[in-house]
Amino acid sequence: MATDDYRGEVAPGGPAEARELSRATIRKLAVSPMNNNVYLITDKATGAQLLIDAADEPDRCLALIDEGSGRLDHLVTTHQHWDHTRALEQVAGRTGARTYAGADDAAGLPLAPDVRLHHGDIITVGELTLDVIHLRGHTPGSVALAYADPGGRTHLFTGDSLFPGGVGNTKNPGQSFESLYADVLERIFDRFDDDTWFYPGHGDDSTLGVERPHLDEWRERGW
């Protein structure tokens, strides 16, 4: 079970916050003036680690890795937007981690991923498994990751596709609210229960139970 004192409230320049689960530790760090979230998942049994979004400040990302087991096995980029990839090359190069990104976003990254992800793929981190969820609309290849803690809740890492209060931005050319809303509804809210905690690409966390009553409102307003 998650520790009761975790709130997921971090600030750029401030310390990371850690959440202890039965088999994993989740660490959350905020970097850059854009308040980008960087997440580190550590498998307690083996020390294997996965970093989500090397967004900026590579030295702080590396320090976060050291707060865990000190190694980095996997580095996942949730989507191709520049503010989530500014430290990608440095962190990958200095750790030797295997890199991952959604197949339809791969060409837009500063570093080509070792693995191109598709909906339904699984990433194994030591003795942990994370499900890959393709969410189309914010970018063509945006992905979320789902970790189901045994005996506890599911933990979703949603990038910029889902935030407290709505789905991600879809106002720019090439983006689609209809597509993103449909995927978030079908692949997240229809699949996971209200206790599911999600960790977005910027700002604070939330749960599906808090957000679910507002789904019709999101659809009606179109963002």
Protein backbone atom coordinates (compact mmCIF):
# COMPACT_ATOMS: atom_id res chain seq x y z
CA MET A 1 0.00 0.00 0.00
CA ALA A 2 1.10 3.58 -0.58
CA THR A 3 2.29 5.63 2.34
CA ASP A 4 -0.35 8.03 3.64
CA ASP A 5 1.90 11.10 3.69
CA TYR A 6 2.63 11.18 -0.07
CA ARG A 7 0.92 14.11 -1.79
CA GLY A 8 2.88 14.48 -5.02
CA GLU A 9 3.36 18.21 -4.46
CA VAL A 10 6.84 19.11 -5.71
CA ALA A 11 8.28 22.38 -7.01
CA PRO A 12 11.09 23.25 -9.43
CA GLY A 13 14.36 23.43 -7.55
CA GLY A 14 12.89 21.58 -4.58
CA PRO A 15 13.47 18.04 -3.36
CA ALA A 16 11.88 14.94 -4.80
CA GLU A 17 9.03 13.23 -3.02
CA ALA A 18 9.02 9.47 -2.59
CA ARG A 19 6.13 7.04 -2.35
CA GLU A 20 6.70 3.57 -0.92
CA LEU A 21 4.61 0.76 -2.40
CA SER A 22 4.73 -2.94 -1.57
CA ARG A 23 7.24 -3.79 -4.32
CA ALA A 24 8.25 -0.43 -5.75
CA THR A 25 9.28 3.08 -4.83
CA ILE A 26 8.01 6.00 -6.91
CA ARG A 27 9.97 9.25 -6.81
CA LYS A 28 8.68 12.51 -8.26
CA LEU A 29 10.87 15.52 -9.12
CA ALA A 30 9.95 18.89 -10.68
CA VAL A 31 12.40 20.50 -13.10
CA SER A 32 12.54 23.69 -15.20
CA PRO A 33 10.40 26.85 -14.97
CA MET A 34 7.69 24.88 -16.83
CA ASN A 35 7.28 22.63 -13.78
CA ASN A 36 7.93 19.41 -15.68
CA ASN A 37 7.62 16.22 -13.65
CA VAL A 38 10.28 13.52 -13.78
CA TYR A 39 9.40 10.15 -12.28
CA LEU A 40 11.67 7.33 -11.14
CA ILE A 41 10.29 3.84 -10.47
CA THR A 42 12.53 1.50 -8.47
CA ASP A 43 11.99 -2.23 -8.15
CA LYS A 44 12.74 -3.00 -4.51
CA ALA A 45 13.66 -6.62 -5.17
CA THR A 46 16.37 -6.03 -7.79
CA GLY A 47 17.23 -2.33 -7.79
CA ALA A 48 16.20 -2.02 -11.44
CA GLN A 49 14.96 1.47 -12.29
CA LEU A 50 12.88 3.23 -14.94
CA LEU A 51 12.87 7.00 -15.48
CA ILE A 52 9.89 8.72 -17.09
CA ASP A 53 10.62 11.94 -19.03
CA ALA A 54 14.17 13.29 -18.76
CA ALA A 55 12.62 16.71 -19.19
CA ASP A 56 15.44 19.07 -18.16
CA GLU A 57 18.27 19.60 -15.67
CA PRO A 58 20.22 16.40 -16.37
CA ASP A 59 22.32 16.65 -13.20
CA ARG A 60 19.17 16.69 -11.06
CA CYS A 61 17.76 13.74 -13.01
CA LEU A 62 20.98 11.84 -12.35
CA ALA A 63 20.84 12.78 -8.66
CA LEU A 64 17.29 11.40 -8.54
CA ILE A 65 18.56 8.13 -10.01
CA ASP A 66 21.21 8.04 -7.29
CA GLU A 67 18.52 8.56 -4.64
CA GLY A 68 17.22 5.18 -5.77
CA SER A 69 19.58 2.34 -6.54
CA GLY A 70 22.02 4.40 -8.58
CA ARG A 71 21.46 2.53 -11.83
CA LEU A 72 19.12 3.28 -14.73
CA ASP A 73 17.86 0.43 -16.87
CA HIS A 74 15.00 2.07 -18.80
CA LEU A 75 14.20 5.64 -19.90
CA VAL A 76 10.71 6.29 -21.25
CA THR A 77 9.67 9.50 -23.01
CA THR A 78 5.89 10.00 -22.82
CA HIS A 79 5.74 12.23 -25.91
CA GLN A 80 7.83 14.23 -28.32
CA HIS A 81 7.31 17.80 -27.08
CA TRP A 82 10.58 19.63 -26.47
CA ASP A 83 9.95 20.45 -22.83
CA HIS A 84 9.90 16.72 -21.99
CA THR A 85 13.12 15.83 -23.82
CA ARG A 86 15.72 18.50 -22.97
CA ALA A 87 17.81 16.13 -20.82
CA LEU A 88 17.11 12.98 -22.82
CA GLU A 89 20.41 12.75 -24.66
CA GLN A 90 22.51 13.57 -21.61
CA VAL A 91 20.76 11.18 -19.23
CA ALA A 92 20.69 8.35 -21.77
CA GLY A 93 24.32 8.89 -22.67
CA ARG A 94 25.55 9.04 -19.08
CA THR A 95 23.57 6.04 -17.84
CA GLY A 96 23.45 3.72 -20.85
CA ALA A 97 19.75 3.18 -20.21
CA ARG A 98 17.57 1.58 -22.88
CA THR A 99 15.29 4.27 -24.32
CA TYR A 100 11.60 4.01 -25.20
CA ALA A 101 8.94 6.22 -26.82
CA GLY A 102 5.66 5.85 -28.67
CA ALA A 103 6.23 4.66 -32.23
CA ASP A 104 4.37 7.59 -33.77
CA ASP A 105 6.45 10.14 -31.83
CA ALA A 106 9.85 8.53 -32.34
CA ALA A 107 10.85 10.62 -35.35
CA GLY A 108 10.28 13.85 -33.42
CA LEU A 109 12.72 13.09 -30.59
CA PRO A 110 16.28 14.40 -30.29
CA LEU A 111 17.42 10.80 -29.69
CA ALA A 112 15.91 7.88 -31.59
CA PRO A 113 14.47 5.39 -29.07
CA ASP A 114 15.86 1.89 -28.80
CA VAL A 115 12.28 0.62 -28.48
CA ARG A 116 9.21 2.01 -30.24
CA LEU A 117 6.17 1.44 -28.06
CA HIS A 118 2.68 0.38 -29.12
CA HIS A 119 -0.60 0.07 -27.23
CA GLY A 120 -0.60 -3.10 -25.13
CA ASP A 121 3.17 -3.46 -24.87
CA ILE A 122 4.71 -4.36 -21.51
CA ILE A 123 7.92 -3.00 -20.00
CA THR A 124 9.61 -5.20 -17.41
CA VAL A 125 11.61 -3.45 -14.69
CA GLY A 126 13.25 -6.12 -12.57
CA GLU A 127 10.27 -7.97 -11.11
CA LEU A 128 7.80 -5.18 -11.98
CA THR A 129 5.68 -4.92 -15.13
CA LEU A 130 4.20 -1.76 -16.60
CA ASP A 131 1.50 -1.67 -19.27
CA VAL A 132 1.84 0.74 -22.18
CA ILE A 133 -1.26 2.76 -23.08
CA HIS A 134 -1.29 4.70 -26.36
CA LEU A 135 -3.26 7.97 -26.02
CA ARG A 136 -3.70 9.80 -29.32
CA GLY A 137 -4.50 13.49 -29.62
CA HIS A 138 -1.97 15.59 -27.69
CA THR A 139 0.70 14.08 -29.93
CA PRO A 140 0.30 11.13 -32.33
CA GLY A 141 2.42 8.79 -30.23
CA SER A 142 1.81 9.84 -26.62
CA VAL A 143 1.99 6.96 -24.17
CA ALA A 144 1.00 6.42 -20.55
CA LEU A 145 2.32 3.70 -18.26
CA ALA A 146 0.27 1.69 -15.76
CA TYR A 147 1.69 -0.12 -12.76
CA ALA A 148 -0.65 -2.27 -10.65
CA ASP A 149 0.78 -2.61 -7.16
CA PRO A 150 -0.06 -6.07 -5.77
CA GLY A 151 -2.65 -5.67 -3.05
CA GLY A 152 -2.86 -1.94 -3.69
CA ARG A 153 -3.98 0.56 -6.28
CA THR A 154 -2.98 1.13 -9.89
CA HIS A 155 -0.55 3.95 -10.61
CA LEU A 156 -0.76 5.74 -13.99
CA PHE A 157 1.89 7.98 -15.50
CA THR A 158 -0.02 10.02 -18.06
CA GLY A 159 2.44 12.52 -19.54
CA ASP A 160 0.54 15.50 -20.96
CA SER A 161 -2.53 13.46 -21.95
CA LEU A 162 -4.40 13.64 -18.64
CA PHE A 163 -4.26 16.24 -15.86
CA PRO A 164 -6.37 17.11 -12.85
CA GLY A 165 -9.25 19.00 -14.42
CA GLY A 166 -9.07 17.73 -17.98
CA VAL A 167 -7.18 16.17 -20.84
CA GLY A 168 -4.01 17.68 -22.27
CA ASN A 169 -3.79 20.58 -24.70
CA THR A 170 -5.36 19.96 -28.11
CA LYS A 171 -5.56 23.51 -29.46
CA ASN A 172 -2.57 23.37 -31.81
CA PRO A 173 -2.44 22.10 -35.42
CA GLY A 174 -2.29 18.33 -35.61
CA GLN A 175 -3.90 17.83 -32.21
CA SER A 176 -7.39 16.42 -31.65
CA PHE A 177 -9.59 16.77 -28.59
CA GLU A 178 -12.02 14.17 -29.94
CA SER A 179 -9.28 11.59 -30.31
CA LEU A 180 -7.67 12.27 -26.96
CA TYR A 181 -10.95 12.38 -25.05
CA ALA A 182 -12.04 9.08 -26.64
CA ASP A 183 -8.77 7.35 -25.76
CA VAL A 184 -8.69 8.71 -22.21
CA LEU A 185 -12.29 7.58 -21.71
CA GLU A 186 -11.91 4.10 -23.22
CA ARG A 187 -8.34 3.25 -22.28
CA ILE A 188 -8.19 4.84 -18.83
CA PHE A 189 -11.56 5.65 -17.24
CA ASP A 190 -13.38 2.60 -18.63
CA ARG A 191 -10.51 0.30 -17.61
CA PHE A 192 -9.33 1.47 -14.19
CA ASP A 193 -11.23 2.05 -10.96
CA ASP A 194 -11.69 5.24 -8.96
CA ASP A 195 -8.83 4.44 -6.58
CA THR A 196 -6.33 4.67 -9.45
CA TRP A 197 -3.78 7.40 -8.83
CA PHE A 198 -2.33 9.27 -11.79
CA TYR A 199 0.86 11.25 -12.18
CA PRO A 200 0.82 13.91 -14.95
CA GLY A 201 3.64 15.57 -16.87
CA HIS A 202 3.26 18.87 -15.00
CA GLY A 203 1.89 19.84 -11.61
CA ASP A 204 0.01 17.86 -8.99
CA ASP A 205 -1.38 14.34 -9.08
CA SER A 206 -5.00 13.22 -8.81
CA THR A 207 -7.15 10.10 -8.81
CA LEU A 208 -9.64 8.87 -11.38
CA GLY A 209 -12.35 9.01 -8.74
CA VAL A 210 -11.86 12.75 -8.27
CA GLU A 211 -11.94 13.41 -12.02
CA ARG A 212 -14.62 10.96 -13.20
CA PRO A 213 -17.66 13.11 -12.25
CA HIS A 214 -16.38 15.83 -14.61
CA LEU A 215 -15.99 13.77 -17.79
CA ASP A 216 -19.19 15.06 -19.38
CA GLU A 217 -18.14 18.63 -18.56
CA TRP A 218 -14.82 18.09 -20.34
CA ARG A 219 -16.59 16.74 -23.42
CA GLU A 220 -19.06 19.64 -23.53
CA ARG A 221 -16.42 22.35 -23.24
CA GLY A 222 -14.07 20.61 -25.72
CA TRP A 223 -10.91 20.76 -23.61
